[in-house]
Amino acid sequence: MRESASPAFWTVLAEFPHFMLQLFVHPRRLLRSLDFEDPLTFQRLLLYAVLWLAILVAAFSNSHVMAGVPHPLYSTFKGIMMRAHDRSWDWLSTVYTPFNIDYSEAKVLWDNLLTPGFLTYTLFASLVGLAAVARVRTRIFGIRWEYALGTGLLAHLALVSCLALAMVPLTLLLICRHCVVRGTLYLLLNVAGWWYFGYYTLGDLGERRYGFVEQVFTSIGYGFLQFAAAYIVFFALIVCIIPM
């Protein structure tokens, strides 16, 4: 039993890079190739979601304390975030002032937020927000739970990837405020994330517009609405435990 199960698991794991490539390059082909009524499909999607979230946590987190370091390195995202607060505190202070957070407290806050433990919690909280939105879709549109959650997992993988990548040009923009390319890239990555979210979840509604422009704007709008709803659940789960 174990000998027959192990090769199957490693085979599914080996297909992960090709799956992620299809997720971004051929979304329609990927949707058509998946049988959401098959329990193995859901298990595969859940495995890929957990694996990808683990990769994101490893890429963006750092357990080293950098709040008191005078010149943090650019080699880690936490170091870039600390440099951004050093360079653009005159801008960022307006965001922290309503919460009575000063310069040193803001750096300590991000020092705690960008730890492996808290990032893992936030990413799993985003999965809870996704599940809540998927449940709402089943009630409003009469979609089966398997389709709603399966397409939601696809959308979540694409959305979280785009939003995580968007954080890099945003923090670099705070370090160099005159770089228009970084600001543009930040906006494009956010819009791309909303588009993927809308495209994959519209797939379970059978919505495929003939006009390319109409399809793009419909996907972006529908994706943004779901993102806003999921973010409310996500924020409610993390706001009470934000480490200070």
Protein backbone atom coordinates (compact mmCIF):
# COMPACT_ATOMS: atom_id res chain seq x y z
CA MET A 1 0.00 0.00 0.00
CA ARG A 2 2.70 2.48 0.97
CA GLU A 3 4.87 1.62 -2.01
CA SER A 4 2.02 2.36 -4.44
CA ALA A 5 0.99 5.58 -2.68
CA SER A 6 4.45 7.16 -2.46
CA PRO A 7 5.12 7.35 -6.23
CA ALA A 8 1.70 8.93 -6.78
CA PHE A 9 2.45 11.63 -4.22
CA TRP A 10 5.85 12.43 -5.70
CA THR A 11 4.37 12.45 -9.17
CA VAL A 12 1.79 15.03 -8.12
CA LEU A 13 4.52 17.02 -6.39
CA ALA A 14 6.69 16.93 -9.51
CA GLU A 15 3.83 18.41 -11.53
CA PHE A 16 3.70 21.48 -9.28
CA PRO A 17 5.98 23.73 -11.42
CA HIS A 18 4.03 22.91 -14.58
CA PHE A 19 0.76 23.53 -12.73
CA MET A 20 1.90 26.98 -11.58
CA LEU A 21 3.02 27.81 -15.12
CA GLN A 22 -0.39 26.88 -16.46
CA LEU A 23 -2.06 28.87 -13.69
CA PHE A 24 -0.65 32.12 -15.05
CA VAL A 25 -0.11 31.37 -18.74
CA HIS A 26 -3.06 29.14 -19.70
CA PRO A 27 -5.85 29.74 -17.15
CA ARG A 28 -8.66 28.63 -19.46
CA ARG A 29 -6.89 25.41 -20.40
CA LEU A 30 -6.24 24.70 -16.73
CA LEU A 31 -9.89 25.23 -15.81
CA ARG A 32 -11.04 22.85 -18.53
CA SER A 33 -8.55 20.16 -17.50
CA LEU A 34 -9.69 19.92 -13.87
CA ASP A 35 -12.54 17.72 -12.66
CA PHE A 36 -13.75 19.44 -9.50
CA GLU A 37 -16.07 16.54 -8.66
CA ASP A 38 -13.05 14.28 -8.20
CA PRO A 39 -11.81 14.36 -4.55
CA LEU A 40 -8.25 13.89 -5.78
CA THR A 41 -8.47 17.20 -7.65
CA PHE A 42 -9.35 19.06 -4.46
CA GLN A 43 -6.56 17.30 -2.54
CA ARG A 44 -4.11 18.24 -5.27
CA LEU A 45 -5.20 21.89 -5.25
CA LEU A 46 -4.98 22.04 -1.47
CA LEU A 47 -1.50 20.51 -1.53
CA TYR A 48 -0.35 23.05 -4.10
CA ALA A 49 -1.90 25.91 -2.13
CA VAL A 50 -0.11 24.91 1.08
CA LEU A 51 3.15 24.34 -0.78
CA TRP A 52 2.99 27.72 -2.52
CA LEU A 53 2.12 29.53 0.72
CA ALA A 54 5.12 27.88 2.36
CA ILE A 55 7.34 29.15 -0.47
CA LEU A 56 5.97 32.68 -0.05
CA VAL A 57 6.55 32.57 3.70
CA ALA A 58 10.13 31.43 3.16
CA ALA A 59 10.70 34.19 0.60
CA PHE A 60 9.24 37.13 2.53
CA SER A 61 9.85 36.26 6.17
CA ASN A 62 12.92 36.67 8.32
CA SER A 63 13.30 35.74 11.98
CA HIS A 64 16.21 38.14 12.59
CA VAL A 65 15.49 41.37 14.47
CA MET A 66 16.17 44.36 12.22
CA ALA A 67 14.30 47.19 13.93
CA GLY A 68 17.42 48.47 15.64
CA VAL A 69 19.87 47.82 12.80
CA PRO A 70 21.14 51.16 11.42
CA HIS A 71 21.73 49.93 7.86
CA PRO A 72 19.68 46.78 7.14
CA LEU A 73 20.66 44.82 4.06
CA TYR A 74 18.64 44.79 0.84
CA SER A 75 19.04 41.02 0.56
CA THR A 76 15.81 40.35 2.49
CA PHE A 77 12.33 41.81 2.15
CA LYS A 78 12.37 42.80 5.81
CA GLY A 79 15.55 44.77 5.22
CA ILE A 80 13.94 46.56 2.26
CA MET A 81 10.91 47.38 4.42
CA MET A 82 13.15 48.85 7.14
CA ARG A 83 15.01 50.96 4.57
CA ALA A 84 11.66 52.17 3.21
CA HIS A 85 10.66 53.44 6.65
CA ASP A 86 14.00 55.19 6.99
CA ARG A 87 13.70 56.96 3.64
CA SER A 88 9.99 57.82 3.58
CA TRP A 89 8.92 58.24 7.19
CA ASP A 90 7.64 61.74 6.39
CA TRP A 91 5.09 60.04 4.09
CA LEU A 92 4.44 56.93 6.15
CA SER A 93 3.94 58.83 9.40
CA THR A 94 0.53 60.01 8.18
CA VAL A 95 -0.55 56.35 7.99
CA TYR A 96 0.63 55.48 11.50
CA THR A 97 -0.43 58.70 13.28
CA PRO A 98 -4.13 57.72 13.69
CA PHE A 99 -2.96 54.57 15.50
CA ASN A 100 -0.51 56.49 17.75
CA ILE A 101 2.46 54.58 16.34
CA ASP A 102 5.76 56.42 16.14
CA TYR A 103 8.82 55.71 14.02
CA SER A 104 10.48 53.14 16.29
CA GLU A 105 7.20 51.35 17.01
CA ALA A 106 6.44 51.10 13.29
CA LYS A 107 9.74 49.37 12.63
CA VAL A 108 9.18 46.99 15.54
CA LEU A 109 5.71 46.27 14.17
CA TRP A 110 7.06 45.22 10.76
CA ASP A 111 9.87 43.34 12.45
CA ASN A 112 7.18 41.19 14.07
CA LEU A 113 4.84 41.04 11.07
CA LEU A 114 7.51 39.67 8.73
CA THR A 115 8.32 36.65 10.87
CA PRO A 116 7.60 33.12 9.61
CA GLY A 117 4.96 32.45 12.25
CA PHE A 118 2.89 35.56 11.68
CA LEU A 119 3.15 35.38 7.89
CA THR A 120 1.98 31.77 8.00
CA TYR A 121 -1.01 32.81 10.09
CA THR A 122 -1.89 35.68 7.73
CA LEU A 123 -1.73 33.49 4.64
CA PHE A 124 -3.93 30.83 6.20
CA ALA A 125 -6.30 33.61 7.30
CA SER A 126 -6.52 34.58 3.64
CA LEU A 127 -7.60 31.00 2.89
CA VAL A 128 -10.38 31.37 5.46
CA GLY A 129 -11.48 34.58 3.75
CA LEU A 130 -11.46 32.75 0.43
CA ALA A 131 -13.60 29.93 1.85
CA ALA A 132 -16.09 32.48 3.21
CA VAL A 133 -16.41 34.14 -0.20
CA ALA A 134 -16.78 30.73 -1.87
CA ARG A 135 -19.63 29.89 0.51
CA VAL A 136 -21.37 33.16 -0.36
CA ARG A 137 -21.04 32.33 -4.06
CA THR A 138 -22.71 28.97 -3.49
CA ARG A 139 -25.68 30.70 -1.83
CA ILE A 140 -26.08 33.54 -4.33
CA PHE A 141 -25.41 31.76 -7.61
CA GLY A 142 -26.39 28.20 -6.68
CA ILE A 143 -22.91 26.85 -7.41
CA ARG A 144 -21.84 23.54 -5.95
CA TRP A 145 -19.34 23.78 -3.12
CA GLU A 146 -16.73 21.72 -4.97
CA TYR A 147 -16.71 24.12 -7.91
CA ALA A 148 -16.78 27.25 -5.77
CA LEU A 149 -13.92 26.16 -3.51
CA GLY A 150 -11.87 24.58 -6.31
CA THR A 151 -11.95 27.62 -8.56
CA GLY A 152 -11.46 29.77 -5.47
CA LEU A 153 -8.22 27.96 -4.66
CA LEU A 154 -6.98 28.58 -8.20
CA ALA A 155 -7.88 32.25 -7.86
CA HIS A 156 -6.23 32.45 -4.45
CA LEU A 157 -2.95 31.04 -5.74
CA ALA A 158 -2.82 33.63 -8.52
CA LEU A 159 -4.03 36.55 -6.39
CA VAL A 160 -1.66 35.98 -3.48
CA SER A 161 1.27 35.60 -5.88
CA CYS A 162 0.50 38.91 -7.60
CA LEU A 163 -0.10 40.79 -4.32
CA ALA A 164 3.10 39.40 -2.79
CA LEU A 165 5.12 40.44 -5.83
CA ALA A 166 3.44 43.88 -5.76
CA MET A 167 4.84 44.52 -2.27
CA VAL A 168 8.40 44.53 -3.63
CA PRO A 169 8.06 47.48 -6.08
CA LEU A 170 5.95 49.31 -3.48
CA THR A 171 8.66 49.17 -0.82
CA LEU A 172 11.34 49.99 -3.40
CA LEU A 173 9.23 52.96 -4.49
CA LEU A 174 9.33 54.27 -0.91
CA ILE A 175 13.12 54.05 -1.05
CA CYS A 176 13.32 55.83 -4.41
CA ARG A 177 10.21 58.01 -4.77
CA HIS A 178 10.98 59.26 -8.27
CA CYS A 179 10.81 55.85 -9.98
CA VAL A 180 7.59 55.79 -12.00
CA VAL A 181 8.23 52.25 -13.20
CA ARG A 182 7.96 50.82 -9.69
CA GLY A 183 4.66 52.56 -9.02
CA THR A 184 3.27 51.41 -12.35
CA LEU A 185 4.41 47.85 -11.71
CA TYR A 186 2.73 47.89 -8.30
CA LEU A 187 -0.60 48.94 -9.84
CA LEU A 188 -0.35 46.44 -12.70
CA LEU A 189 0.36 43.53 -10.35
CA ASN A 190 -2.66 44.42 -8.20
CA VAL A 191 -4.92 44.66 -11.24
CA ALA A 192 -3.52 41.38 -12.56
CA GLY A 193 -4.35 39.71 -9.26
CA TRP A 194 -7.93 40.97 -9.39
CA TRP A 195 -8.21 39.80 -13.00
CA TYR A 196 -7.04 36.27 -12.17
CA PHE A 197 -9.40 36.18 -9.19
CA GLY A 198 -12.34 37.23 -11.33
CA TYR A 199 -11.42 35.05 -14.30
CA TYR A 200 -11.11 31.82 -12.34
CA THR A 201 -14.24 32.38 -10.26
CA LEU A 202 -16.30 33.47 -13.26
CA GLY A 203 -15.36 30.12 -14.74
CA ASP A 204 -17.68 28.33 -12.32
CA LEU A 205 -20.51 30.66 -13.36
CA GLY A 206 -20.09 29.83 -17.03
CA GLU A 207 -19.29 33.49 -17.75
CA ARG A 208 -17.08 33.81 -20.83
CA ARG A 209 -17.48 37.07 -22.73
CA TYR A 210 -16.95 37.13 -26.48
CA GLY A 211 -15.43 40.60 -26.41
CA PHE A 212 -11.89 40.63 -25.05
CA VAL A 213 -12.13 44.09 -23.47
CA GLU A 214 -15.49 43.29 -21.88
CA GLN A 215 -14.13 40.03 -20.50
CA VAL A 216 -11.09 41.76 -19.00
CA PHE A 217 -13.07 44.49 -17.24
CA THR A 218 -15.73 42.04 -16.04
CA SER A 219 -13.06 39.79 -14.54
CA ILE A 220 -11.27 42.71 -12.88
CA GLY A 221 -14.48 44.10 -11.40
CA TYR A 222 -15.76 40.75 -10.15
CA GLY A 223 -12.33 39.86 -8.81
CA PHE A 224 -12.01 43.16 -6.95
CA LEU A 225 -15.42 42.74 -5.30
CA GLN A 226 -14.50 39.27 -4.07
CA PHE A 227 -11.08 40.48 -2.96
CA ALA A 228 -12.71 43.26 -0.90
CA ALA A 229 -15.12 40.79 0.72
CA ALA A 230 -12.37 38.28 1.50
CA TYR A 231 -10.16 41.07 2.86
CA ILE A 232 -12.81 42.00 5.42
CA VAL A 233 -12.73 38.46 6.81
CA PHE A 234 -8.94 38.38 6.59
CA PHE A 235 -8.54 41.70 8.41
CA ALA A 236 -10.95 40.66 11.16
CA LEU A 237 -8.84 37.56 11.80
CA ILE A 238 -5.50 39.34 12.07
CA VAL A 239 -6.32 42.76 13.55
CA CYS A 240 -6.77 41.39 17.06
CA ILE A 241 -3.41 39.60 17.16
CA ILE A 242 -1.14 42.10 15.40
CA PRO A 243 2.07 41.99 17.45
CA MET A 244 3.30 45.29 18.85
